[in-house]
Every structure is written in C-alpha cells, then in structure tokens.
Protein backbone atom coordinates (compact mmCIF):
# COMPACT_ATOMS: atom_id res chain seq x y z
CA MET A 1 5.13 14.47 0.21
CA MET A 2 5.59 12.46 -2.96
CA LYS A 3 3.61 13.35 -6.08
CA ILE A 4 2.66 10.64 -8.54
CA GLU A 5 2.02 11.34 -12.23
CA ILE A 6 0.36 8.77 -14.49
CA LYS A 7 -0.03 9.00 -18.25
CA GLN A 8 -2.01 6.80 -20.64
CA LEU A 9 -2.65 4.06 -18.13
CA GLY A 10 -5.83 2.17 -18.94
CA VAL A 11 -8.63 4.73 -19.33
CA ILE A 12 -6.56 7.40 -17.57
CA GLY A 13 -5.27 10.02 -19.97
CA LYS A 14 -3.18 11.95 -17.48
CA ALA A 15 -3.54 12.19 -13.71
CA GLU A 16 -1.58 13.46 -10.75
CA PHE A 17 -2.02 12.89 -7.04
CA THR A 18 0.00 13.55 -3.93
CA LEU A 19 0.54 10.74 -1.46
CA ALA A 20 -0.66 12.15 1.87
CA ASP A 21 -1.22 10.55 5.26
CA LEU A 22 -4.72 9.68 4.02
CA THR A 23 -5.21 9.59 0.25
CA ILE A 24 -8.62 8.90 -1.26
CA ILE A 25 -9.53 8.37 -4.91
CA CYS A 26 -13.24 8.25 -5.66
CA GLY A 27 -15.30 8.35 -8.81
CA GLU A 28 -17.62 6.33 -10.98
CA ASN A 29 -16.91 2.78 -12.15
CA ASN A 30 -14.36 2.33 -14.95
CA THR A 31 -12.52 5.57 -14.24
CA GLY A 32 -9.09 4.04 -13.59
CA LYS A 33 -9.03 4.05 -9.78
CA THR A 34 -7.81 0.46 -9.53
CA TYR A 35 -5.27 1.02 -12.31
CA ALA A 36 -3.76 3.90 -10.34
CA THR A 37 -3.80 1.83 -7.14
CA TYR A 38 -2.09 -1.19 -8.70
CA ALA A 39 0.53 0.96 -10.44
CA LEU A 40 1.37 2.73 -7.18
CA TYR A 41 1.55 -0.54 -5.25
CA GLY A 42 3.82 -2.10 -7.85
CA PHE A 43 6.17 0.87 -7.73
CA LEU A 44 6.42 0.99 -3.93
CA ASP A 45 6.83 -2.78 -3.77
CA SER A 46 9.68 -2.94 -6.30
CA TRP A 47 11.32 0.49 -6.73
CA GLN A 48 14.73 -0.77 -5.59
CA ARG A 49 14.87 -3.13 -8.58
CA PHE A 50 14.61 -0.22 -11.00
CA PHE A 51 16.73 2.45 -9.30
CA SER A 52 20.36 2.17 -10.29
CA ILE A 53 23.23 3.10 -7.98
CA ARG A 54 26.66 1.67 -8.77
CA ILE A 55 29.68 1.82 -6.49
CA PRO A 56 32.75 3.02 -8.43
CA ASP A 57 35.15 0.19 -9.21
CA GLN A 58 38.01 2.07 -7.54
CA GLU A 59 36.07 2.36 -4.27
CA PHE A 60 35.09 -1.29 -4.41
CA ALA A 61 38.69 -2.33 -5.00
CA SER A 62 39.72 -0.27 -1.97
CA LEU A 63 37.13 -2.08 0.15
CA LEU A 64 38.55 -5.46 -0.81
CA SER A 65 42.18 -4.40 -0.36
CA GLU A 66 41.91 -2.19 2.74
CA GLY A 67 38.87 -3.75 4.41
CA SER A 68 36.93 -0.52 4.85
CA ILE A 69 35.74 2.48 2.84
CA GLN A 70 33.64 5.60 3.38
CA LEU A 71 31.23 6.75 0.68
CA ASP A 72 30.03 10.35 0.49
CA LEU A 73 26.24 10.23 0.26
CA GLN A 74 26.06 13.75 -1.14
CA LYS A 75 27.54 12.48 -4.42
CA TYR A 76 24.55 10.18 -4.81
CA ILE A 77 22.00 12.69 -3.51
CA SER A 78 23.14 15.21 -6.13
CA GLY A 79 22.13 12.69 -8.79
CA ALA A 80 18.81 11.75 -7.12
CA ARG A 81 16.64 13.36 -9.80
CA LYS A 82 18.34 11.35 -12.55
CA ILE A 83 18.19 8.14 -10.48
CA VAL A 84 14.44 8.52 -9.89
CA LYS A 85 13.66 9.56 -13.46
CA SER A 86 15.52 6.65 -15.04
CA GLY A 87 14.11 4.25 -12.43
CA CYS A 88 10.55 5.34 -13.20
CA LYS A 89 11.22 4.85 -16.90
CA ARG A 90 12.34 1.28 -16.27
CA TYR A 91 9.35 0.69 -14.02
CA SER A 92 6.96 2.06 -16.68
CA GLU A 93 8.35 -0.51 -19.10
CA HIS A 94 7.63 -3.18 -16.47
CA LEU A 95 3.93 -2.24 -16.06
CA PRO A 96 2.67 -5.12 -18.26
CA HIS A 97 4.15 -7.53 -15.70
CA ILE A 98 2.58 -5.64 -12.79
CA PHE A 99 -0.83 -5.99 -14.43
CA ALA A 100 -0.17 -9.43 -15.99
CA SER A 101 -1.26 -8.03 -19.34
CA SER A 102 0.08 -7.54 -22.85
CA GLU A 103 2.92 -5.14 -23.57
CA LYS A 104 0.85 -3.57 -26.33
CA ARG A 105 -1.72 -2.32 -23.84
CA PHE A 106 0.95 -0.43 -21.89
CA LYS A 107 3.28 0.65 -24.68
CA ASP A 108 2.57 4.38 -24.09
CA SER A 109 2.01 4.21 -20.32
CA GLN A 110 4.17 6.28 -18.00
CA PHE A 111 4.53 6.26 -14.23
CA LEU A 112 6.49 9.11 -12.63
CA ALA A 113 7.35 9.80 -8.99
CA HIS A 114 8.26 13.38 -8.06
CA LEU A 115 10.12 14.32 -4.89
CA ASP A 116 11.36 17.65 -3.61
CA PHE A 117 14.87 16.95 -4.88
CA LYS A 118 16.27 20.18 -3.44
CA ALA A 119 15.31 19.06 0.05
CA ILE A 120 16.32 15.39 -0.03
CA GLN A 121 18.04 14.27 3.14
CA PRO A 122 19.42 10.81 3.89
CA ALA A 123 18.09 8.69 6.74
CA SER A 124 19.48 9.91 10.05
CA LYS A 125 21.17 6.59 10.82
CA TYR A 126 21.49 3.15 9.29
CA THR A 127 23.04 -0.12 10.44
CA ARG A 128 23.15 -3.43 8.64
CA LEU A 129 25.15 -6.60 9.24
CA MET A 130 25.50 -9.28 6.57
CA GLY A 131 26.67 -12.76 7.37
CA ALA A 132 26.54 -16.45 6.54
CA ALA A 133 26.82 -19.64 8.58
CA LYS A 134 26.54 -17.65 11.84
CA THR A 135 29.52 -15.49 10.87
CA ASP A 136 29.30 -11.73 10.26
CA LEU A 137 30.98 -10.92 6.95
CA PHE A 138 30.62 -7.15 6.58
CA SER A 139 28.78 -4.17 8.03
CA ILE A 140 27.21 -1.00 6.61
CA ASN A 141 26.81 1.97 8.96
CA LYS A 142 25.72 5.59 8.82
CA HIS A 143 25.80 7.67 11.99
CA SER A 144 23.25 10.38 12.69
CA ASP A 145 25.83 13.19 12.59
CA SER A 146 27.52 12.08 9.36
CA SER A 147 26.87 12.34 5.61
CA PHE A 148 29.14 9.34 4.97
CA VAL A 149 28.32 5.66 4.98
CA THR A 150 31.02 3.24 6.18
CA ILE A 151 31.35 -0.26 4.71
CA SER A 152 33.67 -2.60 6.62
CA LEU A 153 34.71 -6.18 5.97
CA LEU A 154 34.59 -8.23 9.18
CA VAL A 155 36.58 -11.15 7.81
CA GLU A 156 39.64 -11.51 5.61
CA LYS A 157 38.97 -11.19 1.89
CA LYS A 158 39.75 -14.86 1.27
CA LYS A 159 37.10 -15.84 3.84
CA LEU A 160 34.42 -13.58 2.37
CA LYS A 161 33.10 -16.36 0.13
CA ILE A 162 30.34 -14.37 -1.53
CA PRO A 163 30.32 -13.22 -5.17
CA GLU A 164 31.65 -9.71 -5.65
CA GLU A 165 28.57 -8.82 -7.71
CA LEU A 166 26.34 -9.76 -4.77
CA LEU A 167 28.43 -7.58 -2.45
CA HIS A 168 28.04 -4.73 -4.98
CA GLU A 169 24.26 -5.26 -4.94
CA VAL A 170 23.97 -5.31 -1.15
CA ILE A 171 25.93 -2.05 -0.81
CA SER A 172 23.90 -0.45 -3.61
CA THR A 173 20.63 -1.49 -1.93
CA ALA A 174 21.78 -0.02 1.37
CA ILE A 175 22.55 3.34 -0.24
CA LYS A 176 19.15 3.35 -1.95
CA ASP A 177 17.53 2.67 1.43
CA ILE A 178 19.47 5.45 3.12
CA ILE A 179 18.62 8.04 0.46
CA PHE A 180 15.11 7.05 -0.65
CA GLY A 181 13.73 4.48 1.80
CA HIS A 182 12.06 7.00 4.11
CA TYR A 183 10.33 8.66 1.14
CA PHE A 184 8.81 5.44 -0.23
CA PRO A 185 6.64 3.70 2.39
CA GLN A 186 6.38 -0.08 2.63
CA PRO A 187 3.03 -0.97 1.03
CA PHE A 188 0.43 -3.52 2.05
CA ILE A 189 -2.57 -3.99 -0.23
CA ALA A 190 -6.04 -5.44 0.24
CA SER A 191 -7.27 -5.79 -3.33
CA ALA A 192 -10.90 -5.97 -4.41
CA GLU A 193 -10.40 -9.71 -5.01
CA ARG A 194 -9.66 -10.35 -1.32
CA THR A 195 -12.99 -12.00 -0.48
CA GLY A 196 -12.46 -14.72 -3.09
CA VAL A 197 -8.89 -15.32 -1.94
CA ALA A 198 -10.13 -15.84 1.63
CA ILE A 199 -12.65 -18.48 0.55
CA PHE A 200 -10.23 -20.49 -1.58
CA ARG A 201 -7.26 -20.34 0.80
CA ASN A 202 -7.20 -24.10 1.38
CA GLU A 203 -7.56 -24.83 -2.32
CA LEU A 204 -4.65 -22.49 -3.07
CA ASN A 205 -2.47 -24.27 -0.54
CA PHE A 206 -3.50 -27.66 -1.90
CA ALA A 207 -2.81 -26.63 -5.49
CA ARG A 208 0.59 -25.24 -4.54
CA ASN A 209 1.58 -28.41 -2.68
CA ARG A 210 0.54 -30.51 -5.66
CA LEU A 211 2.66 -28.32 -7.90
CA LEU A 212 5.66 -28.76 -5.63
CA GLU A 213 5.16 -32.53 -5.62
CA GLU A 214 4.96 -32.46 -9.41
CA ILE A 215 8.16 -30.40 -9.60
CA ASN A 216 10.02 -32.79 -7.33
CA SER A 217 9.00 -35.72 -9.49
CA LYS A 218 10.39 -34.11 -12.65
CA GLU A 219 13.89 -33.92 -13.96
CA LYS A 220 16.44 -32.03 -11.90
CA GLU A 221 16.90 -29.45 -14.66
CA LEU A 222 13.46 -28.00 -13.92
CA ASN A 223 13.70 -24.65 -12.11
CA PRO A 224 10.99 -24.65 -9.36
CA LEU A 225 10.92 -20.85 -8.93
CA ARG A 226 10.60 -20.27 -12.65
CA PHE A 227 7.84 -22.88 -12.88
CA LEU A 228 5.84 -21.41 -9.99
CA SER A 229 6.26 -17.89 -11.31
CA LYS A 230 4.84 -19.01 -14.66
CA VAL A 231 1.81 -20.51 -12.91
CA TYR A 232 1.03 -17.20 -11.17
CA SER A 233 1.78 -14.99 -14.20
CA ASP A 234 -1.90 -14.58 -15.13
CA TYR A 235 -2.62 -12.47 -12.04
CA ALA A 236 -1.78 -8.84 -11.33
CA LEU A 237 0.90 -8.28 -8.70
CA PRO A 238 -1.51 -7.00 -5.99
CA VAL A 239 -3.69 -10.09 -6.41
CA LYS A 240 -0.63 -12.35 -6.19
CA SER A 241 0.45 -10.47 -3.06
CA ASN A 242 -2.99 -11.08 -1.51
CA VAL A 243 -2.78 -14.77 -2.36
CA GLU A 244 0.68 -15.12 -0.80
CA PHE A 245 -0.31 -13.17 2.31
CA THR A 246 -3.42 -15.30 2.85
CA ARG A 247 -1.46 -18.51 2.28
CA GLN A 248 1.09 -17.54 4.94
CA LEU A 249 -1.35 -16.56 7.69
CA GLU A 250 -0.11 -19.24 10.09
CA ASP A 251 3.46 -17.90 9.99
CA ILE A 252 2.26 -14.29 10.02
CA SER A 253 0.08 -14.90 13.07
CA ARG A 254 3.16 -15.80 15.14
CA LYS A 255 4.31 -12.16 15.05
CA GLU A 256 2.86 -9.11 16.76
CA SER A 257 2.67 -5.60 15.32
CA PHE A 258 3.36 -2.44 17.30
CA ILE A 259 -0.42 -1.97 17.42
CA SER A 260 -0.80 -5.29 19.25
CA ASP A 261 1.91 -4.28 21.72
CA GLN A 262 1.04 -0.62 22.27
CA HIS A 263 -2.59 -0.13 21.19
CA PRO A 264 -4.55 -3.33 21.92
CA GLU A 265 -7.75 -1.29 22.32
CA LEU A 266 -7.75 -0.76 18.55
CA LEU A 267 -7.79 -4.53 18.05
CA ASP A 268 -10.73 -4.80 20.45
CA ASP A 269 -12.62 -2.24 18.38
CA PHE A 270 -11.80 -4.12 15.19
CA ALA A 271 -13.15 -7.31 16.78
CA ASP A 272 -16.39 -5.41 17.47
CA ILE A 273 -16.63 -4.44 13.79
CA ILE A 274 -16.39 -8.03 12.56
CA GLY A 275 -18.27 -9.44 15.57
CA GLY A 276 -15.57 -11.89 16.62
CA GLU A 277 -11.98 -12.94 15.98
CA TYR A 278 -9.92 -14.75 13.38
CA VAL A 279 -8.07 -17.85 14.53
CA VAL A 280 -5.36 -19.79 12.67
CA LYS A 281 -4.62 -23.23 14.02
CA LYS A 282 -2.67 -26.03 12.32
CA ASP A 283 -2.86 -24.13 9.03
CA GLU A 284 -6.66 -23.89 9.28
CA LEU A 285 -8.34 -20.49 9.31
CA TYR A 286 -11.49 -19.94 11.35
CA PHE A 287 -13.75 -17.13 12.45
CA VAL A 288 -15.01 -17.32 16.04
CA PRO A 289 -18.17 -15.22 16.62
CA LYS A 290 -18.04 -13.10 19.75
CA LYS A 291 -21.42 -14.21 21.08
CA LYS A 292 -20.84 -17.90 20.29
CA ALA A 293 -17.25 -18.59 21.34
CA GLN A 294 -17.80 -22.35 21.11
CA ILE A 295 -18.44 -22.11 17.36
CA LYS A 296 -15.65 -22.01 14.75
CA LEU A 297 -16.66 -21.05 11.24
CA THR A 298 -14.58 -21.61 8.12
CA MET A 299 -14.27 -18.72 5.70
CA ASP A 300 -16.92 -20.06 3.33
CA GLU A 301 -19.25 -20.39 6.34
CA SER A 302 -18.52 -16.83 7.50
CA SER A 303 -20.15 -13.64 6.30
CA SER A 304 -18.81 -11.76 3.31
CA ALA A 305 -17.95 -8.87 5.67
CA VAL A 306 -15.70 -11.18 7.71
CA ARG A 307 -13.90 -12.26 4.53
CA SER A 308 -13.65 -8.69 3.25
CA LEU A 309 -11.82 -7.49 6.38
CA LEU A 310 -9.58 -10.56 6.81
CA ASP A 311 -6.42 -9.07 5.28
CA ILE A 312 -6.83 -5.77 7.12
CA GLY A 313 -7.37 -7.57 10.42
CA PHE A 314 -4.25 -9.70 10.13
CA TYR A 315 -2.23 -6.74 8.89
CA ILE A 316 -3.01 -4.46 11.84
CA ARG A 317 -2.56 -7.25 14.40
CA HIS A 318 0.56 -8.92 13.03
CA LYS A 319 2.39 -6.81 10.43
CA ALA A 320 1.70 -3.09 10.74
CA ALA A 321 4.73 -0.85 11.22
CA GLU A 322 4.93 2.91 11.58
CA GLY A 323 5.48 4.56 8.21
CA ASP A 324 3.75 1.78 6.24
CA LEU A 325 1.19 2.46 3.53
CA LEU A 326 -2.05 0.47 3.90
CA MET A 327 -3.80 0.34 0.52
CA VAL A 328 -7.42 -0.82 0.35
CA ASP A 329 -9.34 -1.07 -2.90
CA GLU A 330 -13.01 -0.42 -2.08
CA PRO A 331 -12.99 -0.87 1.73
CA GLU A 332 -16.80 -0.77 1.69
CA LEU A 333 -17.00 -4.21 0.03
CA ASN A 334 -19.81 -6.24 1.63
CA LEU A 335 -20.07 -3.92 4.64
CA HIS A 336 -23.26 -2.55 6.18
CA PRO A 337 -23.33 1.29 6.22
CA GLU A 338 -22.69 1.33 9.98
CA ASN A 339 -19.55 -0.78 9.54
CA GLN A 340 -18.44 1.43 6.65
CA ARG A 341 -18.52 4.34 9.12
CA ARG A 342 -16.57 2.33 11.68
CA VAL A 343 -13.94 1.35 9.12
CA ALA A 344 -13.52 5.05 8.25
CA ARG A 345 -12.87 5.74 11.92
CA LEU A 346 -10.41 2.83 12.03
CA PHE A 347 -8.48 4.37 9.12
CA ALA A 348 -8.34 7.72 10.92
CA ARG A 349 -6.88 6.05 14.01
CA LEU A 350 -4.26 4.28 11.91
CA VAL A 351 -3.30 7.59 10.29
CA ASN A 352 -2.88 9.16 13.73
CA LEU A 353 -0.65 6.23 14.75
CA GLY A 354 1.73 6.90 11.85
CA ILE A 355 0.41 4.49 9.20
CA LYS A 356 -0.42 6.08 5.86
CA VAL A 357 -3.70 4.95 4.29
CA PHE A 358 -4.64 4.94 0.58
CA ILE A 359 -8.17 3.94 -0.46
CA THR A 360 -10.39 3.95 -3.51
CA THR A 361 -14.07 4.15 -2.71
CA HIS A 362 -17.63 4.53 -3.95
CA SER A 363 -18.94 4.91 -0.41
CA ASP A 364 -20.66 8.12 0.58
CA TYR A 365 -20.81 6.74 4.15
CA ILE A 366 -17.02 6.54 4.38
CA ILE A 367 -16.52 10.04 2.96
CA LYS A 368 -19.15 11.60 5.21
CA GLU A 369 -17.76 9.87 8.30
CA LEU A 370 -14.30 11.20 7.47
CA ASN A 371 -15.95 14.61 7.09
CA THR A 372 -17.27 14.29 10.62
CA LEU A 373 -13.82 13.42 11.96
CA ILE A 374 -12.29 16.42 10.18
CA MET A 375 -14.95 18.79 11.55
CA LEU A 376 -14.63 17.42 15.10
CA ASN A 377 -10.90 18.13 14.94
CA GLN A 378 -11.73 21.83 15.49
CA ARG A 379 -12.24 20.70 19.13
CA GLN A 380 -14.58 23.51 20.15
CA ASP A 381 -16.46 22.90 23.39
CA ARG A 382 -19.72 22.37 21.51
CA LEU A 383 -18.08 19.84 19.17
CA MET A 384 -16.43 17.99 22.05
CA ASP A 385 -19.85 17.63 23.68
CA ILE A 386 -21.21 16.13 20.44
CA ALA A 387 -18.22 13.79 20.18
CA GLU A 388 -18.74 12.52 23.72
CA ARG A 389 -22.47 12.05 23.22
CA GLU A 390 -22.02 10.18 19.91
CA GLY A 391 -19.15 8.00 21.09
CA TYR A 392 -16.27 9.56 19.09
CA MET A 393 -12.74 9.47 20.50
CA GLU A 394 -10.07 12.13 20.06
CA SER A 395 -7.78 9.46 18.61
CA GLU A 396 -10.17 9.41 15.61
CA PHE A 397 -10.13 13.15 14.90
CA LEU A 398 -8.51 14.01 11.56
CA ASP A 399 -6.38 16.99 10.65
CA SER A 400 -7.59 18.23 7.24
CA GLU A 401 -3.96 18.91 6.29
CA LYS A 402 -3.28 15.17 6.39
CA VAL A 403 -5.97 14.33 3.83
CA ARG A 404 -6.02 14.48 0.02
CA VAL A 405 -9.08 13.48 -2.01
CA TYR A 406 -9.15 13.06 -5.79
CA ILE A 407 -12.13 12.52 -8.06
CA ALA A 408 -11.56 10.38 -11.16
CA GLU A 409 -13.62 11.94 -13.95
CA GLU A 410 -13.48 13.19 -17.51
CA GLY A 411 -11.63 16.41 -18.24
CA LEU A 412 -9.60 18.12 -20.90
CA VAL A 413 -6.13 16.58 -20.96
CA ALA A 414 -3.09 17.50 -23.06
CA LEU A 415 -0.70 14.64 -23.80
CA ASP A 416 2.86 15.32 -24.99
CA GLY A 417 2.04 18.74 -26.38
CA ALA A 418 -0.93 17.55 -28.45
CA ARG A 419 -4.25 19.36 -28.49
CA ARG A 420 -6.31 18.76 -25.38
CA LYS A 421 -8.85 15.93 -25.51
CA ARG A 422 -11.49 14.68 -23.12
CA ARG A 423 -9.91 11.86 -21.12
CA ILE A 424 -10.07 10.56 -17.57
CA THR A 425 -8.04 12.60 -15.11
CA PHE A 426 -7.97 13.14 -11.33
CA ASN A 427 -9.31 16.42 -9.96
CA GLN A 428 -8.44 17.33 -6.40
CA ALA A 429 -11.40 17.94 -4.10
CA ASP A 430 -11.44 20.91 -1.77
CA ILE A 431 -10.84 20.04 1.88
CA SER A 432 -11.17 22.38 4.83
CA GLU A 433 -12.08 22.21 8.49
CA ASP A 434 -15.67 21.90 7.25
CA GLY A 435 -14.87 18.61 5.51
CA ILE A 436 -14.48 17.21 1.99
CA GLU A 437 -16.26 18.52 -1.08
CA ALA A 438 -17.05 15.22 -2.82
CA ARG A 439 -19.25 16.09 -5.77
CA SER A 440 -18.80 12.56 -7.13
CA PHE A 441 -21.38 11.45 -4.54
CA ASP A 442 -23.28 14.68 -3.93
CA THR A 443 -24.64 14.85 -7.47
CA THR A 444 -26.18 11.38 -7.21
CA ILE A 445 -27.58 12.01 -3.73
CA GLN A 446 -29.09 15.35 -4.78
CA GLU A 447 -30.73 13.67 -7.78
CA MET A 448 -32.25 10.98 -5.55
CA ASN A 449 -33.46 13.58 -3.05
CA ARG A 450 -35.04 15.64 -5.83
CA ILE A 451 -36.98 12.63 -7.14
CA GLN A 452 -38.12 11.62 -3.67
CA ASP A 453 -39.15 15.19 -2.78
CA GLU A 454 -41.23 15.33 -5.93
CA ILE A 455 -42.84 11.97 -5.10
CA VAL A 456 -43.72 13.10 -1.58
CA TRP A 457 -44.49 16.79 -2.08
CA GLY A 458 -45.19 17.20 -5.79
CA GLU A 459 -48.65 17.76 -7.23
CA SER A 460 -50.59 14.75 -8.49
CA SER A 461 -50.60 14.45 -12.30
CA GLU A 462 -54.37 14.00 -12.10
CA ASP A 463 -54.96 17.48 -10.57
C-alpha cells in the first residue's frame, strides 16, 4: 500500500493516510477533505511529469549505433527513494496549478508519497511498440523472468526521423511505468461540481467551438493549445477533468469497459439506482426513464440524482479497468438515503472486482451500509440468512482489511520540529469485523437522539 503525507495544505496542518482498496475520508465541512482529494488526484494523474529518470548518454549512443541495448532495472530501483522524493518535491511546487490558485497560498505545502522501497519490484512484463506513418520504429520489452529491459530500433538510424530527445523521453517513461506504474493507480474523479458540469455540457461544447473558430480567424502565430489552456486556467484540475470527460461522452460511449463485457449485471443494478439509462446520440445527452422508455429527458430536465451519478455511470460502463482508482467527492450528493445505501453497495462490488475506490463523505447512510457489508463478510449461517432475506449478495461483502477510514478533525500537530499546535489532521478510525467506528457521525446522531428522547420521555416543565 502507498501512504500519502500532506503538510500545510489549505486548513490541513499535517495528515497521513494509506491508500487502500476502499479509502474513506469523513469529517465536518471545511476540514480539508476536498483539498486532500484534489492533491491526490493531481499526483496520480501527473506523477510521470515530475519523476526524473535519465538514460545515460553512453547507453543511448550504443542504442543508436548498435540498434539495441539492455538496461538493468535494478540500477533504477536502487534509486527509487530519491526519484520519488525529488518527484514529490517538484509536484508540491506545482500544487498552485493543480488548484488553479496563487503560489502564495501553497508556498509551504508539501505532498509526499511513501512506498515500501525495500520491497519494490518491477512489473512482471512490459511491451511497447512506437511507430509513425504505419511503420514500427522501435520496441521496448521486459520479459517476466528478467530484470532487464530491452530497447531495439526496428529501422535504420537514418530512417528513425524522430528527435533524439523524444526517444529519450519515451524510454524514460517506459522505465517509470515498469518500476512505479503498478504502485500508482490510474485515477478517475467525480468532483463535487459534477452536477453543474452535466447541466451545462452543451454550453461548454458551444463555447469551446466558438473559441476554436475565433482561434482559426486569428493570426497564424497564435498557439491554440496555449490559448485554450489559458481559458481553463481558473479551474482546479479535477474540475477541468470532469469538464473534458463530460464533453467527450459521445466518443467515450463507443468503448466498453471490462464490467460491460464480464459483469453486465452490475450495470443493470446501476440502471435501477438511477431509474433508467443514459443515452448519447449525435452529441446529445439524454436520460431515458425505465418506466417511460418513449421519453428522453435532457440533463436539465432530469433529476439532480441522475446528474450526480452521470460520471460514475459512464465510467463503469465505458472506461473502468482493473487497478483503477475511482475517486468520488461526496457520493451522497442529491441522493435519497436508500440510493446512498445502494451506492455504498456498488462501491463494495467495484472493490471486489479490482477497482480501488476513494471517497469523501458526510453520509451516515453510506458508512453504516458499508458497516453492514463488513459484518456480513463473517459469513456465519445466521448472517447468510439475514443477507438472503434482505437482498444482499456475496459480491457486496467487504473484507475489513481492504478498508481504511480517516476522520478529518482538529488535533495537536507538530510541523518541522516546532511546538505542537491545534490544526486539522486525519485520525484513522478503528475497523474490525464489527464495522467502522465513525465518531464523526455518531456524536451528532447521539445528540439528536438525546434531544428527541427528552422530548418524548422527559418530564413536562409545568410539572
């Protein structure tokens, strides 16, 4: 497992959490949960940009002169700690861009990823072909029984016709993938702004097309990518990712995930949660209610729950891959308590299919439903009878060892050797076969119960 350490990020003084199969951060409003989520997403989305691995010039020269080289991965693995540390430092300096905020606000912020560096192993095998104009130019291979990676030119050097610096970069990226790729999952995020993005999808497409028309009408010196990137610079990276994902739904819908191929029953259950299906046709997005198949509703005509689950629905049907990390900021948004419970069960099924899930939540319903799934995993005869009677499936049962829960709250925190001060930190909740100890919610519920008990059973003030 990978441990994340955050320092002086927003209201967070210092916090640590381990990325498990199911990771949950809960707590009151304004306790840094979204900050931690966005920082983690940004890192997993862009770590290769900040990790530095350089092929020695002598080896590179041998590749160009001899056409093939073998690189010993152990030389790079021995320096993994330094590579990760320096990469995290560079990423920390990039945090203002992740959050689309001022550098001053993040001048002391730190993001650190910790691996078990003594146990790092490369990917068992790796194959990549690079080409241009339907011609393979070079290959990168690692066999399962080898600690070497082989790079081979497939054409003569004079026919290579790609910049040497680009070839350097491709080889470097491959080595990063081989050493670290299986430790850093591919993230997909559904941010808290997702309902608004769903409503204004057409407007976003229209605005983008107008921008492109404007660019084409300008002088040739104008850089379109630079111009578009400036337009989107006011939004945090996860929000921009949501916008781009929603804009590309027509292309995305042409693909099928492994869940669509191998577990279509999960998609049927998701359709039951939203009460229908999403349809993309000729770049138009509709929701078709299950009981009224002849009706097509636009997103602004659909319920807020339908909009809230849009990204998750398209992800599991069209993009999900084993080993991914699905990140959802406040999955309970706009959902009835019963659907909050069903979404919790959906997450458990995804975890059991090999997709990691990371959520922030205020929902007691989600936590308590996950508790139920953890307790049912004991699989005693009595519990199996309850599961059958209440409609639970074994594919939803959760192993408590796969779950980590953290509560964002005030605590005494020491920063850089200074005296401890009260700042926001993350405290790990106890988890056992009896479920999750989530005092963040229990305190509020107990207070409400106490007041109601006194209203119902207390003595009248007139007596």
